[in-house]
Amino acid sequence: MENTIQITVIDRENVEHVLDAPTDMGLNLMELCKSYELPVKGTCGGMALCASCHVYVLTDQDLPEPSEDEHNMLDSAFFVQANSRLGCQIKLHQELDGMVVKLAEESE
């Protein structure tokens, strides 16, 4: 479909899930993962306030720089790496077709 891309999400057990993602609904990565019932909490509802949608971006994607709120949240998150992002801050669009992310470990 014209308004659909594929995103691969690797869960915490290293299982790959290839997700069809609509680009015409204004969804972000956290919402996509939740719609496929992957273990992403998104506790704050996508406001960059909790880091429960923390992912590692494994492919070279042209993503906007993290906002100050996202930086601040990642500064307080566990297991942060150079490729860490909050899924709620990654808006789905055509240029993300083929992106691969891995769910970050949980702090619990």
N, C-alpha and C. Protein backbone atom coordinates (compact mmCIF):
# COMPACT_ATOMS: atom_id res chain seq x y z
N MET A 1 0.83 -1.18 0.00
CA MET A 1 0.00 0.00 0.00
C MET A 1 0.87 1.25 0.00
N GLU A 2 0.33 2.28 -0.57
CA GLU A 2 1.05 3.54 -0.73
C GLU A 2 1.34 4.23 0.60
N ASN A 3 0.42 4.16 1.55
CA ASN A 3 0.58 4.84 2.83
C ASN A 3 1.00 3.89 3.94
N THR A 4 1.72 2.84 3.59
CA THR A 4 2.16 1.86 4.58
C THR A 4 3.65 1.60 4.41
N ILE A 5 4.34 1.54 5.53
CA ILE A 5 5.77 1.20 5.55
C ILE A 5 5.94 -0.02 6.44
N GLN A 6 7.13 -0.60 6.41
CA GLN A 6 7.43 -1.72 7.32
C GLN A 6 8.53 -1.30 8.28
N ILE A 7 8.29 -1.59 9.54
CA ILE A 7 9.23 -1.34 10.62
C ILE A 7 9.49 -2.69 11.29
N THR A 8 10.75 -3.02 11.52
CA THR A 8 11.09 -4.24 12.25
C THR A 8 11.40 -3.88 13.69
N VAL A 9 10.71 -4.54 14.60
CA VAL A 9 10.92 -4.33 16.03
C VAL A 9 11.45 -5.64 16.61
N ILE A 10 12.59 -5.57 17.26
CA ILE A 10 13.17 -6.73 17.94
C ILE A 10 12.79 -6.61 19.41
N ASP A 11 12.08 -7.62 19.91
CA ASP A 11 11.63 -7.54 21.29
C ASP A 11 12.75 -7.91 22.26
N ARG A 12 12.44 -7.94 23.53
CA ARG A 12 13.46 -8.18 24.57
C ARG A 12 13.94 -9.63 24.60
N GLU A 13 13.27 -10.53 23.87
CA GLU A 13 13.72 -11.91 23.74
C GLU A 13 14.43 -12.12 22.40
N ASN A 14 14.76 -11.03 21.72
CA ASN A 14 15.44 -11.03 20.41
C ASN A 14 14.62 -11.66 19.29
N VAL A 15 13.30 -11.59 19.41
CA VAL A 15 12.41 -12.05 18.35
C VAL A 15 12.07 -10.84 17.47
N GLU A 16 12.22 -11.02 16.15
CA GLU A 16 11.92 -9.94 15.21
C GLU A 16 10.44 -9.95 14.84
N HIS A 17 9.85 -8.76 14.83
CA HIS A 17 8.46 -8.57 14.43
C HIS A 17 8.46 -7.54 13.30
N VAL A 18 8.02 -7.93 12.11
CA VAL A 18 7.92 -7.00 10.99
C VAL A 18 6.51 -6.43 11.02
N LEU A 19 6.42 -5.12 11.26
CA LEU A 19 5.13 -4.47 11.43
C LEU A 19 4.79 -3.61 10.23
N ASP A 20 3.57 -3.73 9.76
CA ASP A 20 3.06 -2.82 8.75
C ASP A 20 2.58 -1.57 9.47
N ALA A 21 3.09 -0.42 9.03
CA ALA A 21 2.81 0.83 9.73
C ALA A 21 2.16 1.84 8.79
N PRO A 22 0.96 2.29 9.10
CA PRO A 22 0.34 3.33 8.28
C PRO A 22 1.05 4.67 8.50
N THR A 23 1.22 5.41 7.44
CA THR A 23 1.88 6.72 7.56
C THR A 23 0.89 7.87 7.45
N ASP A 24 -0.38 7.56 7.29
CA ASP A 24 -1.38 8.60 7.10
C ASP A 24 -2.30 8.78 8.32
N MET A 25 -1.86 8.26 9.47
CA MET A 25 -2.70 8.35 10.67
C MET A 25 -2.06 9.18 11.78
N GLY A 26 -0.85 9.69 11.55
CA GLY A 26 -0.19 10.49 12.57
C GLY A 26 0.32 9.69 13.76
N LEU A 27 0.55 8.39 13.56
CA LEU A 27 1.03 7.53 14.65
C LEU A 27 2.51 7.73 14.91
N ASN A 28 2.91 7.39 16.13
CA ASN A 28 4.34 7.32 16.45
C ASN A 28 4.70 5.86 16.70
N LEU A 29 5.98 5.59 16.86
CA LEU A 29 6.46 4.22 17.01
C LEU A 29 5.88 3.53 18.24
N MET A 30 5.75 4.25 19.34
CA MET A 30 5.18 3.66 20.55
C MET A 30 3.75 3.17 20.29
N GLU A 31 2.95 4.01 19.64
CA GLU A 31 1.57 3.64 19.35
C GLU A 31 1.50 2.42 18.43
N LEU A 32 2.40 2.36 17.45
CA LEU A 32 2.46 1.21 16.55
C LEU A 32 2.76 -0.06 17.34
N CYS A 33 3.78 -0.01 18.20
CA CYS A 33 4.14 -1.19 18.99
C CYS A 33 2.98 -1.63 19.89
N LYS A 34 2.32 -0.69 20.50
CA LYS A 34 1.18 -1.03 21.36
C LYS A 34 0.05 -1.66 20.53
N SER A 35 -0.16 -1.18 19.31
CA SER A 35 -1.24 -1.72 18.48
C SER A 35 -0.97 -3.18 18.10
N TYR A 36 0.31 -3.56 18.06
CA TYR A 36 0.68 -4.95 17.79
C TYR A 36 0.88 -5.75 19.08
N GLU A 37 0.52 -5.14 20.20
CA GLU A 37 0.61 -5.77 21.52
C GLU A 37 2.03 -6.18 21.91
N LEU A 38 3.01 -5.38 21.46
CA LEU A 38 4.39 -5.59 21.90
C LEU A 38 4.53 -4.96 23.29
N PRO A 39 5.47 -5.45 24.10
CA PRO A 39 5.57 -4.99 25.49
C PRO A 39 6.18 -3.59 25.63
N VAL A 40 5.45 -2.60 25.14
CA VAL A 40 5.84 -1.19 25.28
C VAL A 40 4.73 -0.54 26.08
N LYS A 41 5.07 0.00 27.24
CA LYS A 41 4.04 0.52 28.12
C LYS A 41 3.49 1.86 27.66
N GLY A 42 4.36 2.80 27.32
CA GLY A 42 3.87 4.12 26.95
C GLY A 42 3.04 4.74 28.06
N THR A 43 3.53 4.62 29.28
CA THR A 43 2.80 5.02 30.47
C THR A 43 2.32 6.47 30.42
N CYS A 44 3.13 7.36 29.87
CA CYS A 44 2.78 8.79 29.87
C CYS A 44 1.90 9.18 28.69
N GLY A 45 1.59 8.23 27.83
CA GLY A 45 0.72 8.53 26.70
C GLY A 45 1.41 9.27 25.56
N GLY A 46 2.72 9.23 25.52
CA GLY A 46 3.45 9.84 24.41
C GLY A 46 3.94 11.25 24.66
N MET A 47 4.06 11.63 25.91
CA MET A 47 4.46 13.00 26.24
C MET A 47 5.95 13.13 26.57
N ALA A 48 6.75 12.08 26.34
CA ALA A 48 8.19 12.08 26.66
C ALA A 48 8.43 12.34 28.15
N LEU A 49 7.61 11.69 28.99
CA LEU A 49 7.71 11.90 30.43
C LEU A 49 8.07 10.65 31.22
N CYS A 50 8.27 9.49 30.53
CA CYS A 50 8.46 8.28 31.34
C CYS A 50 9.53 7.32 30.82
N ALA A 51 9.90 7.35 29.58
CA ALA A 51 10.91 6.47 28.98
C ALA A 51 10.49 5.00 28.93
N SER A 52 9.21 4.69 29.12
CA SER A 52 8.78 3.29 29.04
C SER A 52 8.66 2.81 27.59
N CYS A 53 8.93 3.69 26.63
CA CYS A 53 8.93 3.31 25.21
C CYS A 53 10.34 3.44 24.62
N HIS A 54 11.34 3.35 25.47
CA HIS A 54 12.75 3.47 25.09
C HIS A 54 13.14 2.37 24.09
N VAL A 55 13.71 2.78 22.97
CA VAL A 55 14.17 1.84 21.94
C VAL A 55 15.57 2.21 21.49
N TYR A 56 16.23 1.26 20.85
CA TYR A 56 17.52 1.50 20.19
C TYR A 56 17.27 1.45 18.69
N VAL A 57 17.64 2.50 17.99
CA VAL A 57 17.48 2.55 16.53
C VAL A 57 18.70 1.88 15.93
N LEU A 58 18.51 0.76 15.24
CA LEU A 58 19.62 -0.06 14.74
C LEU A 58 20.00 0.25 13.29
N THR A 59 19.15 0.97 12.58
CA THR A 59 19.45 1.32 11.19
C THR A 59 19.75 2.81 11.10
N ASP A 60 20.41 3.18 10.04
CA ASP A 60 20.77 4.58 9.83
C ASP A 60 19.55 5.31 9.27
N GLN A 61 18.82 5.97 10.13
CA GLN A 61 17.60 6.68 9.73
C GLN A 61 17.82 8.17 9.90
N ASP A 62 17.18 8.93 9.05
CA ASP A 62 17.23 10.38 9.14
C ASP A 62 16.12 10.84 10.07
N LEU A 63 16.41 10.81 11.37
CA LEU A 63 15.43 11.20 12.37
C LEU A 63 15.71 12.63 12.84
N PRO A 64 14.68 13.36 13.22
CA PRO A 64 14.91 14.68 13.79
C PRO A 64 15.71 14.54 15.08
N GLU A 65 16.45 15.57 15.41
CA GLU A 65 17.19 15.56 16.67
C GLU A 65 16.21 15.44 17.84
N PRO A 66 16.60 14.75 18.90
CA PRO A 66 15.72 14.66 20.07
C PRO A 66 15.44 16.05 20.65
N SER A 67 14.22 16.24 21.10
CA SER A 67 13.86 17.50 21.75
C SER A 67 14.54 17.57 23.12
N GLU A 68 14.48 18.72 23.74
CA GLU A 68 15.04 18.88 25.08
C GLU A 68 14.34 17.95 26.06
N ASP A 69 13.02 17.81 25.92
CA ASP A 69 12.26 16.90 26.80
C ASP A 69 12.72 15.46 26.64
N GLU A 70 12.95 15.05 25.37
CA GLU A 70 13.41 13.68 25.13
C GLU A 70 14.80 13.48 25.70
N HIS A 71 15.70 14.44 25.49
CA HIS A 71 17.05 14.35 26.08
C HIS A 71 16.97 14.21 27.60
N ASN A 72 16.16 15.04 28.21
CA ASN A 72 16.04 15.01 29.67
C ASN A 72 15.52 13.67 30.16
N MET A 73 14.56 13.10 29.44
CA MET A 73 14.00 11.81 29.85
C MET A 73 15.04 10.70 29.67
N LEU A 74 15.76 10.74 28.56
CA LEU A 74 16.79 9.72 28.33
C LEU A 74 17.92 9.84 29.35
N ASP A 75 18.20 11.06 29.82
CA ASP A 75 19.22 11.25 30.85
C ASP A 75 18.89 10.53 32.14
N SER A 76 17.59 10.33 32.38
CA SER A 76 17.18 9.65 33.62
C SER A 76 16.79 8.19 33.38
N ALA A 77 16.87 7.72 32.14
CA ALA A 77 16.49 6.34 31.83
C ALA A 77 17.65 5.39 32.09
N PHE A 78 17.33 4.10 32.17
CA PHE A 78 18.32 3.06 32.34
C PHE A 78 18.76 2.52 30.98
N PHE A 79 19.96 2.00 30.90
CA PHE A 79 20.48 1.29 29.72
C PHE A 79 20.53 2.17 28.46
N VAL A 80 20.79 3.45 28.61
CA VAL A 80 20.83 4.37 27.48
C VAL A 80 22.11 4.16 26.68
N GLN A 81 21.96 4.16 25.36
CA GLN A 81 23.09 4.04 24.44
C GLN A 81 23.05 5.22 23.47
N ALA A 82 24.06 5.34 22.64
CA ALA A 82 24.13 6.45 21.68
C ALA A 82 22.95 6.45 20.71
N ASN A 83 22.37 5.27 20.43
CA ASN A 83 21.26 5.16 19.49
C ASN A 83 19.90 5.08 20.19
N SER A 84 19.84 5.47 21.45
CA SER A 84 18.59 5.45 22.21
C SER A 84 17.67 6.57 21.77
N ARG A 85 16.38 6.21 21.67
CA ARG A 85 15.33 7.20 21.40
C ARG A 85 14.07 6.76 22.13
N LEU A 86 13.16 7.69 22.31
CA LEU A 86 11.85 7.36 22.85
C LEU A 86 10.92 7.11 21.67
N GLY A 87 10.28 5.94 21.67
CA GLY A 87 9.40 5.58 20.57
C GLY A 87 8.26 6.57 20.36
N CYS A 88 7.82 7.20 21.44
CA CYS A 88 6.71 8.16 21.32
C CYS A 88 7.12 9.42 20.57
N GLN A 89 8.41 9.63 20.40
CA GLN A 89 8.89 10.83 19.72
C GLN A 89 9.29 10.57 18.27
N ILE A 90 9.10 9.33 17.81
CA ILE A 90 9.41 8.98 16.42
C ILE A 90 8.10 8.88 15.65
N LYS A 91 7.79 9.93 14.93
CA LYS A 91 6.57 9.97 14.12
C LYS A 91 6.78 9.13 12.86
N LEU A 92 5.81 8.31 12.52
CA LEU A 92 5.92 7.42 11.37
C LEU A 92 5.68 8.18 10.07
N HIS A 93 6.62 8.06 9.15
CA HIS A 93 6.49 8.67 7.83
C HIS A 93 7.23 7.81 6.81
N GLN A 94 7.01 8.07 5.56
CA GLN A 94 7.48 7.24 4.45
C GLN A 94 8.99 6.97 4.50
N GLU A 95 9.79 7.94 4.91
CA GLU A 95 11.25 7.79 4.92
C GLU A 95 11.75 6.79 5.96
N LEU A 96 10.87 6.36 6.85
CA LEU A 96 11.27 5.38 7.87
C LEU A 96 11.06 3.94 7.43
N ASP A 97 10.63 3.74 6.18
CA ASP A 97 10.42 2.39 5.67
C ASP A 97 11.70 1.59 5.81
N GLY A 98 11.60 0.42 6.44
CA GLY A 98 12.76 -0.45 6.63
C GLY A 98 13.51 -0.22 7.93
N MET A 99 13.08 0.71 8.74
CA MET A 99 13.76 0.99 10.01
C MET A 99 13.71 -0.25 10.90
N VAL A 100 14.79 -0.47 11.64
CA VAL A 100 14.87 -1.58 12.60
C VAL A 100 15.18 -0.97 13.96
N VAL A 101 14.38 -1.34 14.95
CA VAL A 101 14.61 -0.90 16.33
C VAL A 101 14.56 -2.11 17.25
N LYS A 102 15.20 -1.95 18.40
CA LYS A 102 15.16 -2.99 19.43
C LYS A 102 14.61 -2.36 20.70
N LEU A 103 13.69 -3.05 21.34
CA LEU A 103 13.16 -2.56 22.61
C LEU A 103 14.25 -2.59 23.65
N ALA A 104 14.40 -1.48 24.37
CA ALA A 104 15.40 -1.40 25.43
C ALA A 104 14.98 -2.28 26.61
N GLU A 105 15.98 -2.69 27.35
CA GLU A 105 15.72 -3.48 28.55
C GLU A 105 14.89 -2.65 29.52
N GLU A 106 14.10 -3.34 30.32
CA GLU A 106 13.33 -2.65 31.36
C GLU A 106 14.19 -2.51 32.61
N SER A 107 13.90 -1.50 33.40
CA SER A 107 14.69 -1.24 34.60
C SER A 107 14.33 -2.15 35.75
N GLU A 108 13.23 -2.87 35.64
CA GLU A 108 12.75 -3.73 36.75
C GLU A 108 13.50 -5.02 36.81
